[in-house]
């Protein structure tokens, strides 16, 4: 499938993300890694991951998708955002591609299998910008019985999200703010497009979890957190998990303090007040169990990614029999 199309004279339109860059020959789009080479747009990072690791699926974070399993995780370089607080800025904000070794889709899938991973996670930088590579890996992974996970800022084109249906099994989507001006000025995105895309993911039956990095003075007011929680509850559904994670100073925001436990506790209570069944505090050394929304029984225990104990009977609470939302082993 081609993720570009002609646009006026001497330009091609990239249709990977909502920027829909109109690129002249010899130039790249905003992401810096998709280039108009004359007759097509070439993904310059295809086959060239910058980071490869085996992670617990909980680290994505995904808490309701194959809990206790391992995800073969990788990213490339480049991004279509310029978040000043990016914790992976050394790869997301560079355009230097290491082409010294080529990793074919088949090799990536074999490496996942060799490392006893049940899924492949497209993560670390923004995977939308290397979707042609991710897609080919994902299709190969499907042949081998592996699942596919997208960890994303949620700025995909509608064409890409439709293409993901039946290919990507789960997504963790960042909802970084509920302030349209902040999204545009500070991050380089569009809040309304991201909200529409979140609904699109859910409509396409891609298991979706949402993450908000809670940044002091930037997005941690009661009003903004309430707007985020309300959107998830009312537009995506109360079964969609919300991960509220702690910020630490990095990249261009080294002058801000770390997120306090009190702020995370406050966000947690806001989420529960809006009726969200599953709210989790992340990036802190606290346990974050999954509780049955009906009887509050602990159905999955977690110890900061190190140990996961799953007490579910299939996908049901062992105490009251309530179905727990998610994708579990038997599915």
C-alpha atoms as a PDB file:
ATOM      1  CA  UNK A   1       0.000   0.000   0.000  1.00  0.00           C
ATOM      2  CA  UNK A   2       1.204   3.504  -0.845  1.00  0.00           C
ATOM      3  CA  UNK A   3       1.058   6.142   1.877  1.00  0.00           C
ATOM      4  CA  UNK A   4       1.444   9.110  -0.444  1.00  0.00           C
ATOM      5  CA  UNK A   5      -0.328  10.621  -3.439  1.00  0.00           C
ATOM      6  CA  UNK A   6       0.327  13.313  -6.058  1.00  0.00           C
ATOM      7  CA  UNK A   7      -0.195  16.915  -5.025  1.00  0.00           C
ATOM      8  CA  UNK A   8       0.034  19.722  -7.555  1.00  0.00           C
ATOM      9  CA  UNK A   9       3.318  20.296  -9.385  1.00  0.00           C
ATOM     10  CA  UNK A  10       6.540  18.767  -8.096  1.00  0.00           C
ATOM     11  CA  UNK A  11       5.023  17.678  -4.792  1.00  0.00           C
ATOM     12  CA  UNK A  12       3.758  14.502  -3.189  1.00  0.00           C
ATOM     13  CA  UNK A  13       1.410  14.418  -0.212  1.00  0.00           C
ATOM     14  CA  UNK A  14       2.410  12.108   2.624  1.00  0.00           C
ATOM     15  CA  UNK A  15      -0.669  10.474   4.161  1.00  0.00           C
ATOM     16  CA  UNK A  16       0.954   8.871   7.191  1.00  0.00           C
ATOM     17  CA  UNK A  17      -0.153  11.473   9.724  1.00  0.00           C
ATOM     18  CA  UNK A  18      -2.488  14.407  10.184  1.00  0.00           C
ATOM     19  CA  UNK A  19       0.145  16.888   9.022  1.00  0.00           C
ATOM     20  CA  UNK A  20      -0.450  15.640   5.448  1.00  0.00           C
ATOM     21  CA  UNK A  21       2.876  17.181   4.412  1.00  0.00           C
ATOM     22  CA  UNK A  22       3.107  18.356   0.792  1.00  0.00           C
ATOM     23  CA  UNK A  23       6.728  17.562   0.035  1.00  0.00           C
ATOM     24  CA  UNK A  24       8.894  18.841  -2.798  1.00  0.00           C
ATOM     25  CA  UNK A  25      11.349  16.491  -4.487  1.00  0.00           C
ATOM     26  CA  UNK A  26      14.498  16.080  -2.396  1.00  0.00           C
ATOM     27  CA  UNK A  27      12.825  17.255   0.804  1.00  0.00           C
ATOM     28  CA  UNK A  28      11.336  15.505   3.835  1.00  0.00           C
ATOM     29  CA  UNK A  29       8.166  16.147   5.788  1.00  0.00           C
ATOM     30  CA  UNK A  30       7.935  17.520   9.328  1.00  0.00           C
ATOM     31  CA  UNK A  31       9.101  14.181  10.745  1.00  0.00           C
ATOM     32  CA  UNK A  32      12.393  14.434   8.843  1.00  0.00           C
ATOM     33  CA  UNK A  33      12.408  10.784   7.766  1.00  0.00           C
ATOM     34  CA  UNK A  34       9.910  10.535   4.908  1.00  0.00           C
ATOM     35  CA  UNK A  35      11.447  11.944   1.731  1.00  0.00           C
ATOM     36  CA  UNK A  36      10.180  12.763  -1.728  1.00  0.00           C
ATOM     37  CA  UNK A  37      12.679  10.965  -3.966  1.00  0.00           C
ATOM     38  CA  UNK A  38      10.949  11.889  -7.214  1.00  0.00           C
ATOM     39  CA  UNK A  39       8.441   9.188  -7.987  1.00  0.00           C
ATOM     40  CA  UNK A  40       7.549   8.227  -4.429  1.00  0.00           C
ATOM     41  CA  UNK A  41       7.964   9.101  -0.766  1.00  0.00           C
ATOM     42  CA  UNK A  42      10.603   6.889   0.778  1.00  0.00           C
ATOM     43  CA  UNK A  43      10.639   6.056   4.481  1.00  0.00           C
ATOM     44  CA  UNK A  44      14.309   6.611   5.272  1.00  0.00           C
ATOM     45  CA  UNK A  45      14.183   4.618   8.530  1.00  0.00           C
ATOM     46  CA  UNK A  46      12.693   1.495   6.923  1.00  0.00           C
ATOM     47  CA  UNK A  47      14.814  -1.385   8.178  1.00  0.00           C
ATOM     48  CA  UNK A  48      16.882   0.753  10.535  1.00  0.00           C
ATOM     49  CA  UNK A  49      15.716   0.636  14.158  1.00  0.00           C
ATOM     50  CA  UNK A  50      17.588   2.844  16.604  1.00  0.00           C
ATOM     51  CA  UNK A  51      16.535   0.966  19.753  1.00  0.00           C
ATOM     52  CA  UNK A  52      15.528  -2.657  20.359  1.00  0.00           C
ATOM     53  CA  UNK A  53      14.531  -4.130  23.719  1.00  0.00           C
ATOM     54  CA  UNK A  54      12.461  -6.876  25.266  1.00  0.00           C
ATOM     55  CA  UNK A  55      10.006  -5.242  27.670  1.00  0.00           C
ATOM     56  CA  UNK A  56       7.123  -6.353  29.865  1.00  0.00           C
ATOM     57  CA  UNK A  57       3.911  -5.443  28.075  1.00  0.00           C
ATOM     58  CA  UNK A  58       3.029  -3.444  31.199  1.00  0.00           C
ATOM     59  CA  UNK A  59       5.831  -0.998  30.384  1.00  0.00           C
ATOM     60  CA  UNK A  60       4.111   0.257  27.217  1.00  0.00           C
ATOM     61  CA  UNK A  61       1.944   0.811  29.336  1.00  0.00           C
ATOM     62  CA  UNK A  62      -0.739  -1.772  28.566  1.00  0.00           C
ATOM     63  CA  UNK A  63      -2.361  -3.338  31.615  1.00  0.00           C
ATOM     64  CA  UNK A  64      -5.316  -5.082  29.989  1.00  0.00           C
ATOM     65  CA  UNK A  65      -3.557  -6.671  27.035  1.00  0.00           C
ATOM     66  CA  UNK A  66      -1.870 -10.060  27.504  1.00  0.00           C
ATOM     67  CA  UNK A  67      -0.763  -9.218  31.086  1.00  0.00           C
ATOM     68  CA  UNK A  68       2.490 -10.788  32.231  1.00  0.00           C
ATOM     69  CA  UNK A  69       3.839 -11.303  28.706  1.00  0.00           C
ATOM     70  CA  UNK A  70       6.852  -9.847  26.905  1.00  0.00           C
ATOM     71  CA  UNK A  71       6.808  -7.375  24.030  1.00  0.00           C
ATOM     72  CA  UNK A  72       9.602  -7.127  21.481  1.00  0.00           C
ATOM     73  CA  UNK A  73       9.929  -3.340  21.425  1.00  0.00           C
ATOM     74  CA  UNK A  74      11.682  -1.056  18.984  1.00  0.00           C
ATOM     75  CA  UNK A  75      11.751   2.440  17.571  1.00  0.00           C
ATOM     76  CA  UNK A  76      13.622   4.393  14.920  1.00  0.00           C
ATOM     77  CA  UNK A  77      14.563   8.072  14.852  1.00  0.00           C
ATOM     78  CA  UNK A  78      12.362  11.069  14.109  1.00  0.00           C
ATOM     79  CA  UNK A  79       8.959  12.352  15.218  1.00  0.00           C
ATOM     80  CA  UNK A  80       6.058  14.421  13.917  1.00  0.00           C
ATOM     81  CA  UNK A  81       5.834  16.321  17.261  1.00  0.00           C
ATOM     82  CA  UNK A  82       8.386  18.428  19.133  1.00  0.00           C
ATOM     83  CA  UNK A  83       7.336  17.928  22.762  1.00  0.00           C
ATOM     84  CA  UNK A  84       9.678  19.877  25.076  1.00  0.00           C
ATOM     85  CA  UNK A  85       9.364  17.215  27.778  1.00  0.00           C
ATOM     86  CA  UNK A  86      10.151  14.205  25.550  1.00  0.00           C
ATOM     87  CA  UNK A  87      11.930  11.492  27.501  1.00  0.00           C
ATOM     88  CA  UNK A  88      13.218   9.830  24.320  1.00  0.00           C
ATOM     89  CA  UNK A  89      14.380  13.070  22.693  1.00  0.00           C
ATOM     90  CA  UNK A  90      17.801  11.672  21.758  1.00  0.00           C
ATOM     91  CA  UNK A  91      16.113   9.511  19.117  1.00  0.00           C
ATOM     92  CA  UNK A  92      12.858  11.368  18.462  1.00  0.00           C
ATOM     93  CA  UNK A  93      14.456  14.730  17.749  1.00  0.00           C
ATOM     94  CA  UNK A  94      17.328  13.533  15.586  1.00  0.00           C
ATOM     95  CA  UNK A  95      17.251  12.806  11.861  1.00  0.00           C
ATOM     96  CA  UNK A  96      20.527  10.872  11.742  1.00  0.00           C
ATOM     97  CA  UNK A  97      19.746   7.342  10.548  1.00  0.00           C
ATOM     98  CA  UNK A  98      22.235   4.562  11.300  1.00  0.00           C
ATOM     99  CA  UNK A  99      22.205   2.453   8.144  1.00  0.00           C
ATOM    100  CA  UNK A 100      25.102   0.197   9.139  1.00  0.00           C
ATOM    101  CA  UNK A 101      22.836  -2.827   9.614  1.00  0.00           C
ATOM    102  CA  UNK A 102      19.533  -3.627   7.919  1.00  0.00           C
ATOM    103  CA  UNK A 103      16.810  -5.406   9.908  1.00  0.00           C
ATOM    104  CA  UNK A 104      14.253  -6.965   7.572  1.00  0.00           C
ATOM    105  CA  UNK A 105      10.658  -7.480   8.765  1.00  0.00           C
ATOM    106  CA  UNK A 106      11.297 -11.226   8.766  1.00  0.00           C
ATOM    107  CA  UNK A 107      14.381 -10.788  10.971  1.00  0.00           C
ATOM    108  CA  UNK A 108      12.493  -8.590  13.426  1.00  0.00           C
ATOM    109  CA  UNK A 109       9.737 -11.170  13.814  1.00  0.00           C
ATOM    110  CA  UNK A 110      12.252 -13.988  14.240  1.00  0.00           C
ATOM    111  CA  UNK A 111      14.039 -11.990  16.932  1.00  0.00           C
ATOM    112  CA  UNK A 112      10.717 -11.550  18.729  1.00  0.00           C
ATOM    113  CA  UNK A 113      10.076 -15.286  18.596  1.00  0.00           C
ATOM    114  CA  UNK A 114      13.628 -16.100  19.720  1.00  0.00           C
ATOM    115  CA  UNK A 115      13.103 -13.860  22.762  1.00  0.00           C
ATOM    116  CA  UNK A 116       9.829 -15.575  23.701  1.00  0.00           C
ATOM    117  CA  UNK A 117       7.748 -12.465  23.046  1.00  0.00           C
ATOM    118  CA  UNK A 118       4.012 -12.678  22.456  1.00  0.00           C
ATOM    119  CA  UNK A 119       3.803  -9.300  20.760  1.00  0.00           C
ATOM    120  CA  UNK A 120       5.785  -6.673  18.884  1.00  0.00           C
ATOM    121  CA  UNK A 121       5.559  -3.093  20.131  1.00  0.00           C
ATOM    122  CA  UNK A 122       6.198  -0.134  17.843  1.00  0.00           C
ATOM    123  CA  UNK A 123       7.349   2.434  20.363  1.00  0.00           C
ATOM    124  CA  UNK A 124      10.081   4.750  21.766  1.00  0.00           C
ATOM    125  CA  UNK A 125       9.689   7.364  19.026  1.00  0.00           C
ATOM    126  CA  UNK A 126       6.465   7.987  17.093  1.00  0.00           C
ATOM    127  CA  UNK A 127       5.734   4.809  15.085  1.00  0.00           C
ATOM    128  CA  UNK A 128       3.333   6.530  12.698  1.00  0.00           C
ATOM    129  CA  UNK A 129       6.315   8.009  10.874  1.00  0.00           C
ATOM    130  CA  UNK A 130       7.686   4.522  10.185  1.00  0.00           C
ATOM    131  CA  UNK A 131       4.308   2.872   9.578  1.00  0.00           C
ATOM    132  CA  UNK A 132       5.351   1.332   6.226  1.00  0.00           C
ATOM    133  CA  UNK A 133       8.051  -0.607   8.121  1.00  0.00           C
ATOM    134  CA  UNK A 134       5.796  -1.344  11.098  1.00  0.00           C
ATOM    135  CA  UNK A 135       3.054  -2.577   8.789  1.00  0.00           C
ATOM    136  CA  UNK A 136       5.292  -5.062   6.993  1.00  0.00           C
ATOM    137  CA  UNK A 137       6.592  -6.373  10.327  1.00  0.00           C
ATOM    138  CA  UNK A 138       3.067  -6.597  11.718  1.00  0.00           C
ATOM    139  CA  UNK A 139       1.807  -8.604   8.746  1.00  0.00           C
ATOM    140  CA  UNK A 140       4.720 -11.014   9.129  1.00  0.00           C
ATOM    141  CA  UNK A 141       4.073 -11.202  12.895  1.00  0.00           C
ATOM    142  CA  UNK A 142       0.454 -12.139  12.246  1.00  0.00           C
ATOM    143  CA  UNK A 143       1.597 -15.107  10.174  1.00  0.00           C
ATOM    144  CA  UNK A 144       3.580 -16.327  13.181  1.00  0.00           C
ATOM    145  CA  UNK A 145       0.786 -15.840  15.693  1.00  0.00           C
ATOM    146  CA  UNK A 146       2.185 -12.699  17.339  1.00  0.00           C
ATOM    147  CA  UNK A 147       0.166  -9.631  18.337  1.00  0.00           C
ATOM    148  CA  UNK A 148       1.030  -6.041  17.400  1.00  0.00           C
ATOM    149  CA  UNK A 149       1.033  -3.004  19.680  1.00  0.00           C
ATOM    150  CA  UNK A 150       1.234   0.680  18.682  1.00  0.00           C
ATOM    151  CA  UNK A 151       2.470   3.208  21.261  1.00  0.00           C
ATOM    152  CA  UNK A 152       1.589   6.553  19.771  1.00  0.00           C
ATOM    153  CA  UNK A 153       0.875  10.260  20.138  1.00  0.00           C
ATOM    154  CA  UNK A 154      -2.385   9.641  18.309  1.00  0.00           C
ATOM    155  CA  UNK A 155      -1.724  11.873  15.292  1.00  0.00           C
ATOM    156  CA  UNK A 156      -2.147   9.229  12.591  1.00  0.00           C
ATOM    157  CA  UNK A 157      -4.001   9.966   9.388  1.00  0.00           C
ATOM    158  CA  UNK A 158      -7.468   8.477   9.199  1.00  0.00           C
ATOM    159  CA  UNK A 159      -6.177   6.350   6.310  1.00  0.00           C
ATOM    160  CA  UNK A 160      -3.539   4.759   8.532  1.00  0.00           C
ATOM    161  CA  UNK A 161      -5.967   4.016  11.371  1.00  0.00           C
ATOM    162  CA  UNK A 162      -8.293   2.326   8.899  1.00  0.00           C
ATOM    163  CA  UNK A 163      -5.372   0.344   7.516  1.00  0.00           C
ATOM    164  CA  UNK A 164      -4.478  -0.778  11.053  1.00  0.00           C
ATOM    165  CA  UNK A 165      -7.767  -2.623  11.449  1.00  0.00           C
ATOM    166  CA  UNK A 166      -7.005  -6.323  11.623  1.00  0.00           C
ATOM    167  CA  UNK A 167      -3.245  -5.633  11.701  1.00  0.00           C
ATOM    168  CA  UNK A 168      -2.674  -3.764  14.966  1.00  0.00           C
ATOM    169  CA  UNK A 169      -4.194  -5.425  18.011  1.00  0.00           C
ATOM    170  CA  UNK A 170      -3.670  -2.768  20.673  1.00  0.00           C
ATOM    171  CA  UNK A 171      -2.643   0.840  21.070  1.00  0.00           C
ATOM    172  CA  UNK A 172      -1.574   3.055  23.911  1.00  0.00           C
ATOM    173  CA  UNK A 173      -2.363   6.620  22.899  1.00  0.00           C
ATOM    174  CA  UNK A 174      -0.984   9.711  24.599  1.00  0.00           C
ATOM    175  CA  UNK A 175      -3.557  12.354  25.433  1.00  0.00           C
ATOM    176  CA  UNK A 176      -1.032  14.934  26.537  1.00  0.00           C
ATOM    177  CA  UNK A 177      -3.360  17.837  27.280  1.00  0.00           C
ATOM    178  CA  UNK A 178      -6.885  19.108  26.762  1.00  0.00           C
ATOM    179  CA  UNK A 179      -5.748  22.576  25.702  1.00  0.00           C
ATOM    180  CA  UNK A 180      -5.867  23.107  21.934  1.00  0.00           C
ATOM    181  CA  UNK A 181      -3.491  26.089  22.028  1.00  0.00           C
ATOM    182  CA  UNK A 182      -0.929  24.143  24.094  1.00  0.00           C
ATOM    183  CA  UNK A 183      -1.101  21.217  21.670  1.00  0.00           C
ATOM    184  CA  UNK A 184      -0.497  23.437  18.677  1.00  0.00           C
ATOM    185  CA  UNK A 185       2.174  25.756  20.096  1.00  0.00           C
ATOM    186  CA  UNK A 186       4.171  23.497  22.416  1.00  0.00           C
ATOM    187  CA  UNK A 187       3.764  20.062  20.844  1.00  0.00           C
ATOM    188  CA  UNK A 188       3.052  20.647  17.171  1.00  0.00           C
ATOM    189  CA  UNK A 189      -0.240  18.773  17.119  1.00  0.00           C
ATOM    190  CA  UNK A 190      -3.979  19.293  16.922  1.00  0.00           C
ATOM    191  CA  UNK A 191      -6.134  18.324  19.902  1.00  0.00           C
ATOM    192  CA  UNK A 192      -9.340  17.844  17.917  1.00  0.00           C
ATOM    193  CA  UNK A 193      -7.635  15.482  15.473  1.00  0.00           C
ATOM    194  CA  UNK A 194      -6.287  13.407  18.360  1.00  0.00           C
ATOM    195  CA  UNK A 195      -9.694  13.206  20.019  1.00  0.00           C
ATOM    196  CA  UNK A 196     -11.222  12.074  16.727  1.00  0.00           C
ATOM    197  CA  UNK A 197      -8.441   9.523  16.272  1.00  0.00           C
ATOM    198  CA  UNK A 198      -8.991   8.098  19.750  1.00  0.00           C
ATOM    199  CA  UNK A 199     -12.626   7.475  18.859  1.00  0.00           C
ATOM    200  CA  UNK A 200     -11.474   6.003  15.542  1.00  0.00           C
ATOM    201  CA  UNK A 201      -9.152   3.511  17.293  1.00  0.00           C
ATOM    202  CA  UNK A 202     -11.972   2.333  19.534  1.00  0.00           C
ATOM    203  CA  UNK A 203     -14.451   2.134  16.647  1.00  0.00           C
ATOM    204  CA  UNK A 204     -11.968  -0.016  14.704  1.00  0.00           C
ATOM    205  CA  UNK A 205     -11.861  -2.440  17.662  1.00  0.00           C
ATOM    206  CA  UNK A 206      -8.173  -1.887  18.372  1.00  0.00           C
ATOM    207  CA  UNK A 207      -7.791  -2.390  22.131  1.00  0.00           C
ATOM    208  CA  UNK A 208      -7.001   1.116  23.382  1.00  0.00           C
ATOM    209  CA  UNK A 209      -5.495   2.478  26.580  1.00  0.00           C
ATOM    210  CA  UNK A 210      -4.820   6.169  27.184  1.00  0.00           C
ATOM    211  CA  UNK A 211      -1.811   7.769  28.891  1.00  0.00           C
ATOM    212  CA  UNK A 212      -1.481  11.288  30.259  1.00  0.00           C
ATOM    213  CA  UNK A 213       1.894  12.473  31.513  1.00  0.00           C
ATOM    214  CA  UNK A 214       0.963  14.790  34.375  1.00  0.00           C
ATOM    215  CA  UNK A 215       3.273  17.804  34.156  1.00  0.00           C
ATOM    216  CA  UNK A 216       3.321  20.368  36.982  1.00  0.00           C
ATOM    217  CA  UNK A 217       1.899  23.763  35.907  1.00  0.00           C
ATOM    218  CA  UNK A 218       1.295  22.506  32.344  1.00  0.00           C
ATOM    219  CA  UNK A 219      -1.679  20.133  32.414  1.00  0.00           C
ATOM    220  CA  UNK A 220      -2.278  19.270  36.079  1.00  0.00           C
ATOM    221  CA  UNK A 221      -5.208  21.532  36.962  1.00  0.00           C
ATOM    222  CA  UNK A 222      -8.395  19.909  38.225  1.00  0.00           C
ATOM    223  CA  UNK A 223     -10.239  21.359  35.237  1.00  0.00           C
ATOM    224  CA  UNK A 224      -7.920  19.902  32.619  1.00  0.00           C
ATOM    225  CA  UNK A 225      -7.649  16.493  34.259  1.00  0.00           C
ATOM    226  CA  UNK A 226     -11.421  16.441  34.602  1.00  0.00           C
ATOM    227  CA  UNK A 227     -11.829  17.277  30.909  1.00  0.00           C
ATOM    228  CA  UNK A 228      -9.534  14.396  29.948  1.00  0.00           C
ATOM    229  CA  UNK A 229     -11.258  11.906  32.250  1.00  0.00           C
ATOM    230  CA  UNK A 230     -14.667  13.069  31.070  1.00  0.00           C
ATOM    231  CA  UNK A 231     -13.726  12.655  27.421  1.00  0.00           C
ATOM    232  CA  UNK A 232     -12.496   9.099  28.017  1.00  0.00           C
ATOM    233  CA  UNK A 233     -15.611   8.151  29.980  1.00  0.00           C
ATOM    234  CA  UNK A 234     -18.143   9.787  27.664  1.00  0.00           C
ATOM    235  CA  UNK A 235     -16.574   9.319  24.236  1.00  0.00           C
ATOM    236  CA  UNK A 236     -14.421   6.190  24.515  1.00  0.00           C
ATOM    237  CA  UNK A 237     -16.092   4.280  27.333  1.00  0.00           C
ATOM    238  CA  UNK A 238     -15.575   3.703  31.042  1.00  0.00           C
ATOM    239  CA  UNK A 239     -13.748   0.431  30.311  1.00  0.00           C
ATOM    240  CA  UNK A 240     -10.871   2.245  28.567  1.00  0.00           C
ATOM    241  CA  UNK A 241      -7.931   2.329  31.023  1.00  0.00           C
ATOM    242  CA  UNK A 242      -6.377   5.698  31.874  1.00  0.00           C
ATOM    243  CA  UNK A 243      -2.694   5.773  32.842  1.00  0.00           C
ATOM    244  CA  UNK A 244      -1.712   8.916  34.716  1.00  0.00           C
ATOM    245  CA  UNK A 245       2.066   8.956  34.802  1.00  0.00           C
ATOM    246  CA  UNK A 246       4.622  11.011  36.657  1.00  0.00           C
ATOM    247  CA  UNK A 247       6.816  13.523  34.849  1.00  0.00           C
ATOM    248  CA  UNK A 248      10.520  13.922  35.546  1.00  0.00           C
ATOM    249  CA  UNK A 249      12.626  16.837  34.267  1.00  0.00           C
ATOM    250  CA  UNK A 250      14.113  16.122  30.847  1.00  0.00           C
ATOM    251  CA  UNK A 251      15.070  17.672  27.495  1.00  0.00           C
ATOM    252  CA  UNK A 252      13.810  21.296  27.501  1.00  0.00           C
ATOM    253  CA  UNK A 253      11.805  21.135  30.734  1.00  0.00           C
ATOM    254  CA  UNK A 254      14.547  20.609  33.291  1.00  0.00           C
ATOM    255  CA  UNK A 255      13.316  23.575  35.328  1.00  0.00           C
ATOM    256  CA  UNK A 256      10.033  21.913  36.302  1.00  0.00           C
ATOM    257  CA  UNK A 257       9.693  19.685  39.386  1.00  0.00           C
ATOM    258  CA  UNK A 258       8.798  16.009  39.313  1.00  0.00           C
ATOM    259  CA  UNK A 259       5.115  15.188  39.565  1.00  0.00           C
ATOM    260  CA  UNK A 260       4.095  14.744  43.186  1.00  0.00           C
ATOM    261  CA  UNK A 261       2.333  11.661  44.483  1.00  0.00           C
ATOM    262  CA  UNK A 262      -0.386  14.026  45.657  1.00  0.00           C
ATOM    263  CA  UNK A 263      -1.004  15.175  42.074  1.00  0.00           C
ATOM    264  CA  UNK A 264      -1.290  11.596  40.850  1.00  0.00           C
ATOM    265  CA  UNK A 265      -3.645  10.762  43.714  1.00  0.00           C
ATOM    266  CA  UNK A 266      -5.761  13.779  42.776  1.00  0.00           C
ATOM    267  CA  UNK A 267      -5.864  12.720  39.114  1.00  0.00           C
ATOM    268  CA  UNK A 268      -6.774   9.194  40.172  1.00  0.00           C
ATOM    269  CA  UNK A 269      -9.739  10.435  42.189  1.00  0.00           C
ATOM    270  CA  UNK A 270     -10.856  12.628  39.277  1.00  0.00           C
ATOM    271  CA  UNK A 271     -10.811   9.610  36.978  1.00  0.00           C
ATOM    272  CA  UNK A 272     -12.831   7.527  39.400  1.00  0.00           C
ATOM    273  CA  UNK A 273     -15.284  10.394  39.928  1.00  0.00           C
ATOM    274  CA  UNK A 274     -15.974  10.347  36.186  1.00  0.00           C
ATOM    275  CA  UNK A 275     -16.779   6.646  36.374  1.00  0.00           C
ATOM    276  CA  UNK A 276     -13.618   5.218  34.823  1.00  0.00           C
ATOM    277  CA  UNK A 277     -13.286   1.574  35.841  1.00  0.00           C
ATOM    278  CA  UNK A 278      -9.523   1.338  35.447  1.00  0.00           C
ATOM    279  CA  UNK A 279      -7.198   4.181  36.470  1.00  0.00           C
ATOM    280  CA  UNK A 280      -3.486   3.600  37.041  1.00  0.00           C
ATOM    281  CA  UNK A 281      -0.644   5.669  38.479  1.00  0.00           C
ATOM    282  CA  UNK A 282       2.630   5.164  36.597  1.00  0.00           C
ATOM    283  CA  UNK A 283       6.333   6.082  36.725  1.00  0.00           C
ATOM    284  CA  UNK A 284       6.220   5.797  40.513  1.00  0.00           C
ATOM    285  CA  UNK A 285       7.257   2.949  42.792  1.00  0.00           C
ATOM    286  CA  UNK A 286       3.723   2.040  43.783  1.00  0.00           C
ATOM    287  CA  UNK A 287       1.690  -1.063  43.206  1.00  0.00           C
ATOM    288  CA  UNK A 288      -0.964  -0.604  40.541  1.00  0.00           C
ATOM    289  CA  UNK A 289      -3.364  -3.534  40.719  1.00  0.00           C
ATOM    290  CA  UNK A 290      -6.385  -4.056  38.528  1.00  0.00           C
ATOM    291  CA  UNK A 291      -9.521  -4.078  40.647  1.00  0.00           C
ATOM    292  CA  UNK A 292     -12.839  -5.608  39.683  1.00  0.00           C
ATOM    293  CA  UNK A 293     -15.138  -2.626  38.961  1.00  0.00           C
ATOM    294  CA  UNK A 294     -18.024  -4.468  40.613  1.00  0.00           C
ATOM    295  CA  UNK A 295     -16.625  -5.880  43.866  1.00  0.00           C
ATOM    296  CA  UNK A 296     -13.135  -4.254  44.072  1.00  0.00           C
ATOM    297  CA  UNK A 297     -11.380  -7.631  44.256  1.00  0.00           C
ATOM    298  CA  UNK A 298      -7.738  -7.524  43.113  1.00  0.00           C
ATOM    299  CA  UNK A 299      -7.746  -9.458  39.836  1.00  0.00           C
ATOM    300  CA  UNK A 300      -4.223  -8.590  38.633  1.00  0.00           C
ATOM    301  CA  UNK A 301      -1.333  -7.647  40.915  1.00  0.00           C
ATOM    302  CA  UNK A 302       1.630  -5.628  39.655  1.00  0.00           C
ATOM    303  CA  UNK A 303       4.886  -4.689  41.309  1.00  0.00           C
ATOM    304  CA  UNK A 304       6.293  -1.916  39.089  1.00  0.00           C
ATOM    305  CA  UNK A 305       6.599  -4.215  36.027  1.00  0.00           C
ATOM    306  CA  UNK A 306       8.686  -6.829  37.867  1.00  0.00           C
ATOM    307  CA  UNK A 307       5.978  -9.292  38.808  1.00  0.00           C
ATOM    308  CA  UNK A 308       2.461  -9.745  37.552  1.00  0.00           C
ATOM    309  CA  UNK A 309       0.038 -12.143  39.208  1.00  0.00           C
ATOM    310  CA  UNK A 310      -3.119 -12.770  37.265  1.00  0.00           C
ATOM    311  CA  UNK A 311      -6.059 -14.116  39.248  1.00  0.00           C
ATOM    312  CA  UNK A 312      -8.596 -13.873  36.441  1.00  0.00           C
ATOM    313  CA  UNK A 313     -10.698 -16.850  35.499  1.00  0.00           C
ATOM    314  CA  UNK A 314     -10.449 -16.436  31.764  1.00  0.00           C
ATOM    315  CA  UNK A 315     -11.345 -12.753  31.624  1.00  0.00           C
ATOM    316  CA  UNK A 316     -13.627 -12.743  34.670  1.00  0.00           C
ATOM    317  CA  UNK A 317     -13.300 -11.751  38.297  1.00  0.00           C
ATOM    318  CA  UNK A 318     -12.706 -14.906  40.378  1.00  0.00           C
ATOM    319  CA  UNK A 319     -14.927 -13.569  43.173  1.00  0.00           C
ATOM    320  CA  UNK A 320     -18.058 -12.188  41.522  1.00  0.00           C
ATOM    321  CA  UNK A 321     -17.691 -13.282  37.898  1.00  0.00           C
ATOM    322  CA  UNK A 322     -17.733  -9.777  36.411  1.00  0.00           C
ATOM    323  CA  UNK A 323     -16.066  -9.577  32.994  1.00  0.00           C
ATOM    324  CA  UNK A 324     -12.856  -7.522  33.052  1.00  0.00           C
ATOM    325  CA  UNK A 325     -12.326  -5.472  29.903  1.00  0.00           C
ATOM    326  CA  UNK A 326      -9.251  -6.331  27.871  1.00  0.00           C
ATOM    327  CA  UNK A 327      -7.506  -8.898  25.697  1.00  0.00           C
ATOM    328  CA  UNK A 328      -6.406 -11.941  27.647  1.00  0.00           C
ATOM    329  CA  UNK A 329      -4.709 -15.230  26.865  1.00  0.00           C
ATOM    330  CA  UNK A 330      -7.680 -17.155  25.572  1.00  0.00           C
ATOM    331  CA  UNK A 331      -8.446 -14.465  23.015  1.00  0.00           C
END
